[in-house]
Amino acid sequence: MNLIHRKICSSEKWAATVEERLTPWLARHDLGDDVLEIGPGFGATTTVLLKAVPKLIVLEIDPASSELLRAKYGDRAEVVEGSGAQMPFEANRFSAVKPREW
């Protein structure tokens, strides 16, 4: 992630845009009760998902981002440090998966 990308994705304006666009979609789709988010970055999508799903696991490859997410969400979301290419989860565990590109 370059500096400009970091600045935009960590902004309140970005978080508000994500919430505005994602909330109506989530209202129309049931993601189930155990959701995985891959590559949450600064957590804009994480914040919205936490309002819609009972259990959320986030998988973040960057150690510094993982720590920021743990500090921001505490026990509301389980933050797992790791790669989306080598996920440390059993097959078919999750009811839905939110990829980084979503």
N, C-alpha and C. Protein backbone atom coordinates (compact mmCIF):
# COMPACT_ATOMS: atom_id res chain seq x y z
N MET A 1 0.85 -1.16 0.00
CA MET A 1 0.00 0.00 0.00
C MET A 1 0.90 1.24 0.00
N ASN A 2 0.69 2.14 -0.93
CA ASN A 2 1.51 3.35 -0.97
C ASN A 2 0.94 4.42 -0.04
N LEU A 3 1.66 5.51 0.10
CA LEU A 3 1.28 6.57 1.04
C LEU A 3 -0.10 7.16 0.73
N ILE A 4 -0.37 7.43 -0.53
CA ILE A 4 -1.67 8.01 -0.89
C ILE A 4 -2.80 7.03 -0.58
N HIS A 5 -2.59 5.77 -0.90
CA HIS A 5 -3.59 4.74 -0.60
C HIS A 5 -3.84 4.67 0.91
N ARG A 6 -2.78 4.69 1.70
CA ARG A 6 -2.91 4.67 3.16
C ARG A 6 -3.71 5.87 3.66
N LYS A 7 -3.41 7.03 3.12
CA LYS A 7 -4.08 8.26 3.57
C LYS A 7 -5.58 8.20 3.27
N ILE A 8 -5.92 7.77 2.06
CA ILE A 8 -7.34 7.69 1.67
C ILE A 8 -8.06 6.63 2.49
N CYS A 9 -7.49 5.42 2.58
CA CYS A 9 -8.17 4.31 3.25
C CYS A 9 -8.28 4.49 4.76
N SER A 10 -7.48 5.35 5.33
CA SER A 10 -7.57 5.59 6.77
C SER A 10 -8.42 6.82 7.10
N SER A 11 -8.99 7.46 6.09
CA SER A 11 -9.75 8.69 6.32
C SER A 11 -11.19 8.41 6.77
N GLU A 12 -11.76 9.37 7.47
CA GLU A 12 -13.16 9.27 7.89
C GLU A 12 -14.09 9.31 6.68
N LYS A 13 -13.69 10.07 5.65
CA LYS A 13 -14.51 10.15 4.43
C LYS A 13 -14.61 8.77 3.77
N TRP A 14 -13.50 8.04 3.71
CA TRP A 14 -13.53 6.69 3.15
C TRP A 14 -14.42 5.77 3.98
N ALA A 15 -14.28 5.83 5.29
CA ALA A 15 -15.09 5.00 6.17
C ALA A 15 -16.58 5.29 5.98
N ALA A 16 -16.94 6.57 5.84
CA ALA A 16 -18.33 6.95 5.64
C ALA A 16 -18.85 6.44 4.29
N THR A 17 -18.02 6.51 3.26
CA THR A 17 -18.41 6.02 1.94
C THR A 17 -18.63 4.51 1.96
N VAL A 18 -17.72 3.80 2.61
CA VAL A 18 -17.87 2.34 2.73
C VAL A 18 -19.17 2.00 3.45
N GLU A 19 -19.44 2.67 4.55
CA GLU A 19 -20.67 2.39 5.31
C GLU A 19 -21.91 2.70 4.47
N GLU A 20 -21.89 3.82 3.77
CA GLU A 20 -23.03 4.22 2.95
C GLU A 20 -23.33 3.21 1.86
N ARG A 21 -22.29 2.67 1.25
CA ARG A 21 -22.49 1.75 0.13
C ARG A 21 -22.69 0.30 0.56
N LEU A 22 -22.05 -0.10 1.65
CA LEU A 22 -22.11 -1.50 2.07
C LEU A 22 -23.36 -1.83 2.90
N THR A 23 -23.82 -0.90 3.70
CA THR A 23 -24.95 -1.16 4.59
C THR A 23 -26.20 -1.62 3.84
N PRO A 24 -26.62 -0.95 2.76
CA PRO A 24 -27.80 -1.44 2.04
C PRO A 24 -27.61 -2.85 1.45
N TRP A 25 -26.41 -3.13 0.98
CA TRP A 25 -26.12 -4.45 0.43
C TRP A 25 -26.25 -5.52 1.51
N LEU A 26 -25.69 -5.23 2.69
CA LEU A 26 -25.76 -6.19 3.79
C LEU A 26 -27.20 -6.42 4.25
N ALA A 27 -28.02 -5.41 4.15
CA ALA A 27 -29.43 -5.56 4.55
C ALA A 27 -30.17 -6.54 3.64
N ARG A 28 -29.69 -6.72 2.42
CA ARG A 28 -30.33 -7.62 1.46
C ARG A 28 -29.71 -9.01 1.41
N HIS A 29 -28.59 -9.23 2.10
CA HIS A 29 -27.88 -10.51 2.02
C HIS A 29 -27.55 -11.05 3.41
N ASP A 30 -27.86 -12.31 3.61
CA ASP A 30 -27.55 -12.96 4.87
C ASP A 30 -26.18 -13.63 4.74
N LEU A 31 -25.21 -13.16 5.53
CA LEU A 31 -23.87 -13.72 5.47
C LEU A 31 -23.67 -14.88 6.44
N GLY A 32 -24.67 -15.18 7.21
CA GLY A 32 -24.56 -16.27 8.16
C GLY A 32 -23.98 -15.81 9.48
N ASP A 33 -23.51 -16.77 10.27
CA ASP A 33 -23.12 -16.45 11.64
C ASP A 33 -21.62 -16.51 11.92
N ASP A 34 -20.80 -16.82 10.92
CA ASP A 34 -19.35 -16.91 11.13
C ASP A 34 -18.66 -16.42 9.86
N VAL A 35 -18.25 -15.16 9.85
CA VAL A 35 -17.77 -14.50 8.64
C VAL A 35 -16.28 -14.21 8.74
N LEU A 36 -15.58 -14.40 7.62
CA LEU A 36 -14.16 -14.09 7.51
C LEU A 36 -13.97 -12.88 6.60
N GLU A 37 -13.21 -11.91 7.05
CA GLU A 37 -12.82 -10.77 6.21
C GLU A 37 -11.33 -10.89 5.95
N ILE A 38 -10.95 -10.90 4.67
CA ILE A 38 -9.55 -11.02 4.29
C ILE A 38 -9.02 -9.64 3.91
N GLY A 39 -7.94 -9.22 4.55
CA GLY A 39 -7.31 -7.95 4.22
C GLY A 39 -8.10 -6.74 4.64
N PRO A 40 -8.44 -6.60 5.92
CA PRO A 40 -9.26 -5.48 6.36
C PRO A 40 -8.57 -4.12 6.33
N GLY A 41 -7.25 -4.10 6.25
CA GLY A 41 -6.55 -2.82 6.21
C GLY A 41 -6.83 -1.99 7.45
N PHE A 42 -7.38 -0.81 7.26
CA PHE A 42 -7.68 0.09 8.39
C PHE A 42 -9.03 -0.20 9.04
N GLY A 43 -9.81 -1.13 8.48
CA GLY A 43 -11.02 -1.58 9.15
C GLY A 43 -12.30 -0.87 8.78
N ALA A 44 -12.36 -0.14 7.68
CA ALA A 44 -13.61 0.53 7.30
C ALA A 44 -14.72 -0.49 7.07
N THR A 45 -14.42 -1.56 6.36
CA THR A 45 -15.41 -2.60 6.11
C THR A 45 -15.69 -3.38 7.39
N THR A 46 -14.68 -3.58 8.20
CA THR A 46 -14.83 -4.30 9.46
C THR A 46 -15.87 -3.64 10.34
N THR A 47 -15.82 -2.33 10.44
CA THR A 47 -16.77 -1.59 11.26
C THR A 47 -18.20 -1.86 10.82
N VAL A 48 -18.43 -1.87 9.52
CA VAL A 48 -19.78 -2.10 8.98
C VAL A 48 -20.19 -3.56 9.19
N LEU A 49 -19.28 -4.49 8.92
CA LEU A 49 -19.60 -5.91 9.09
C LEU A 49 -19.96 -6.24 10.54
N LEU A 50 -19.28 -5.61 11.48
CA LEU A 50 -19.55 -5.90 12.90
C LEU A 50 -20.99 -5.56 13.29
N LYS A 51 -21.60 -4.65 12.58
CA LYS A 51 -23.01 -4.29 12.86
C LYS A 51 -23.98 -5.30 12.26
N ALA A 52 -23.48 -6.14 11.33
CA ALA A 52 -24.37 -7.01 10.57
C ALA A 52 -24.21 -8.50 10.84
N VAL A 53 -23.10 -8.91 11.43
CA VAL A 53 -22.86 -10.34 11.62
C VAL A 53 -22.55 -10.64 13.08
N PRO A 54 -22.94 -11.82 13.56
CA PRO A 54 -22.70 -12.15 14.96
C PRO A 54 -21.24 -12.45 15.30
N LYS A 55 -20.49 -13.02 14.34
CA LYS A 55 -19.10 -13.37 14.60
C LYS A 55 -18.25 -13.01 13.39
N LEU A 56 -17.17 -12.25 13.63
CA LEU A 56 -16.31 -11.80 12.54
C LEU A 56 -14.85 -12.09 12.88
N ILE A 57 -14.18 -12.78 11.96
CA ILE A 57 -12.74 -13.03 12.03
C ILE A 57 -12.11 -12.21 10.92
N VAL A 58 -11.06 -11.46 11.23
CA VAL A 58 -10.36 -10.71 10.19
C VAL A 58 -8.95 -11.26 10.05
N LEU A 59 -8.52 -11.44 8.80
CA LEU A 59 -7.20 -11.98 8.49
C LEU A 59 -6.39 -10.87 7.84
N GLU A 60 -5.34 -10.44 8.52
CA GLU A 60 -4.50 -9.32 8.06
C GLU A 60 -3.05 -9.76 8.03
N ILE A 61 -2.38 -9.52 6.92
CA ILE A 61 -0.99 -9.96 6.75
C ILE A 61 0.02 -9.01 7.41
N ASP A 62 -0.31 -7.75 7.51
CA ASP A 62 0.62 -6.75 8.03
C ASP A 62 0.57 -6.71 9.56
N PRO A 63 1.69 -6.97 10.23
CA PRO A 63 1.71 -6.98 11.70
C PRO A 63 1.27 -5.66 12.34
N ALA A 64 1.70 -4.54 11.78
CA ALA A 64 1.32 -3.24 12.35
C ALA A 64 -0.19 -3.01 12.21
N SER A 65 -0.74 -3.38 11.07
CA SER A 65 -2.19 -3.23 10.87
C SER A 65 -2.96 -4.17 11.79
N SER A 66 -2.43 -5.37 12.00
CA SER A 66 -3.08 -6.31 12.92
C SER A 66 -3.18 -5.72 14.32
N GLU A 67 -2.12 -5.12 14.78
CA GLU A 67 -2.13 -4.50 16.12
C GLU A 67 -3.11 -3.35 16.20
N LEU A 68 -3.15 -2.53 15.15
CA LEU A 68 -4.11 -1.41 15.12
C LEU A 68 -5.55 -1.93 15.17
N LEU A 69 -5.82 -3.00 14.42
CA LEU A 69 -7.16 -3.58 14.41
C LEU A 69 -7.53 -4.17 15.78
N ARG A 70 -6.58 -4.83 16.41
CA ARG A 70 -6.85 -5.38 17.76
C ARG A 70 -7.17 -4.26 18.74
N ALA A 71 -6.40 -3.18 18.66
CA ALA A 71 -6.64 -2.05 19.56
C ALA A 71 -7.99 -1.39 19.28
N LYS A 72 -8.35 -1.31 18.00
CA LYS A 72 -9.59 -0.63 17.61
C LYS A 72 -10.84 -1.45 17.95
N TYR A 73 -10.78 -2.77 17.75
CA TYR A 73 -11.98 -3.60 17.90
C TYR A 73 -12.01 -4.47 19.14
N GLY A 74 -10.90 -4.60 19.84
CA GLY A 74 -10.89 -5.39 21.07
C GLY A 74 -11.43 -6.79 20.83
N ASP A 75 -12.37 -7.20 21.64
CA ASP A 75 -12.92 -8.56 21.51
C ASP A 75 -14.13 -8.63 20.59
N ARG A 76 -14.49 -7.53 19.93
CA ARG A 76 -15.64 -7.55 19.01
C ARG A 76 -15.32 -8.31 17.73
N ALA A 77 -14.04 -8.32 17.32
CA ALA A 77 -13.61 -9.08 16.14
C ALA A 77 -12.32 -9.80 16.49
N GLU A 78 -12.21 -11.02 16.04
CA GLU A 78 -10.96 -11.76 16.25
C GLU A 78 -10.01 -11.42 15.11
N VAL A 79 -8.85 -10.88 15.44
CA VAL A 79 -7.86 -10.51 14.44
C VAL A 79 -6.80 -11.60 14.38
N VAL A 80 -6.64 -12.18 13.20
CA VAL A 80 -5.65 -13.23 12.97
C VAL A 80 -4.62 -12.68 11.99
N GLU A 81 -3.37 -12.78 12.36
CA GLU A 81 -2.30 -12.33 11.48
C GLU A 81 -1.91 -13.48 10.56
N GLY A 82 -1.99 -13.24 9.26
CA GLY A 82 -1.64 -14.28 8.32
C GLY A 82 -1.96 -13.88 6.90
N SER A 83 -1.67 -14.77 5.98
CA SER A 83 -1.81 -14.53 4.55
C SER A 83 -3.09 -15.17 4.01
N GLY A 84 -3.74 -14.45 3.11
CA GLY A 84 -4.91 -15.01 2.43
C GLY A 84 -4.54 -16.17 1.52
N ALA A 85 -3.26 -16.27 1.16
CA ALA A 85 -2.80 -17.37 0.31
C ALA A 85 -2.56 -18.65 1.11
N GLN A 86 -2.35 -18.52 2.41
CA GLN A 86 -2.12 -19.67 3.28
C GLN A 86 -2.92 -19.49 4.57
N MET A 87 -4.22 -19.57 4.45
CA MET A 87 -5.08 -19.29 5.59
C MET A 87 -5.01 -20.38 6.65
N PRO A 88 -4.94 -19.97 7.91
CA PRO A 88 -4.82 -20.94 9.01
C PRO A 88 -6.18 -21.41 9.55
N PHE A 89 -7.12 -21.70 8.65
CA PHE A 89 -8.46 -22.11 9.07
C PHE A 89 -8.82 -23.43 8.42
N GLU A 90 -9.69 -24.19 9.09
CA GLU A 90 -10.15 -25.44 8.51
C GLU A 90 -11.08 -25.16 7.33
N ALA A 91 -11.12 -26.06 6.39
CA ALA A 91 -11.95 -25.92 5.20
C ALA A 91 -13.43 -25.83 5.58
N ASN A 92 -14.16 -25.01 4.87
CA ASN A 92 -15.62 -24.87 5.03
C ASN A 92 -16.05 -24.36 6.39
N ARG A 93 -15.17 -23.69 7.10
CA ARG A 93 -15.51 -23.20 8.44
C ARG A 93 -16.49 -22.03 8.40
N PHE A 94 -16.32 -21.13 7.44
CA PHE A 94 -17.05 -19.86 7.46
C PHE A 94 -18.33 -19.91 6.63
N SER A 95 -19.31 -19.14 7.09
CA SER A 95 -20.57 -19.05 6.36
C SER A 95 -20.46 -18.06 5.20
N ALA A 96 -19.51 -17.12 5.28
CA ALA A 96 -19.26 -16.16 4.20
C ALA A 96 -17.84 -15.63 4.34
N VAL A 97 -17.29 -15.22 3.21
CA VAL A 97 -15.93 -14.65 3.20
C VAL A 97 -15.97 -13.34 2.44
N LYS A 98 -15.45 -12.28 3.05
CA LYS A 98 -15.34 -10.98 2.41
C LYS A 98 -13.92 -10.83 1.93
N PRO A 99 -13.67 -10.88 0.62
CA PRO A 99 -12.31 -10.72 0.12
C PRO A 99 -11.87 -9.26 0.15
N ARG A 100 -10.59 -9.06 0.04
CA ARG A 100 -10.01 -7.72 0.04
C ARG A 100 -10.62 -6.84 -1.04
N GLU A 101 -10.92 -7.39 -2.21
CA GLU A 101 -11.39 -6.61 -3.35
C GLU A 101 -12.84 -6.17 -3.23
N TRP A 102 -13.57 -6.57 -2.26
CA TRP A 102 -14.99 -6.30 -2.15
C TRP A 102 -15.30 -4.87 -2.01
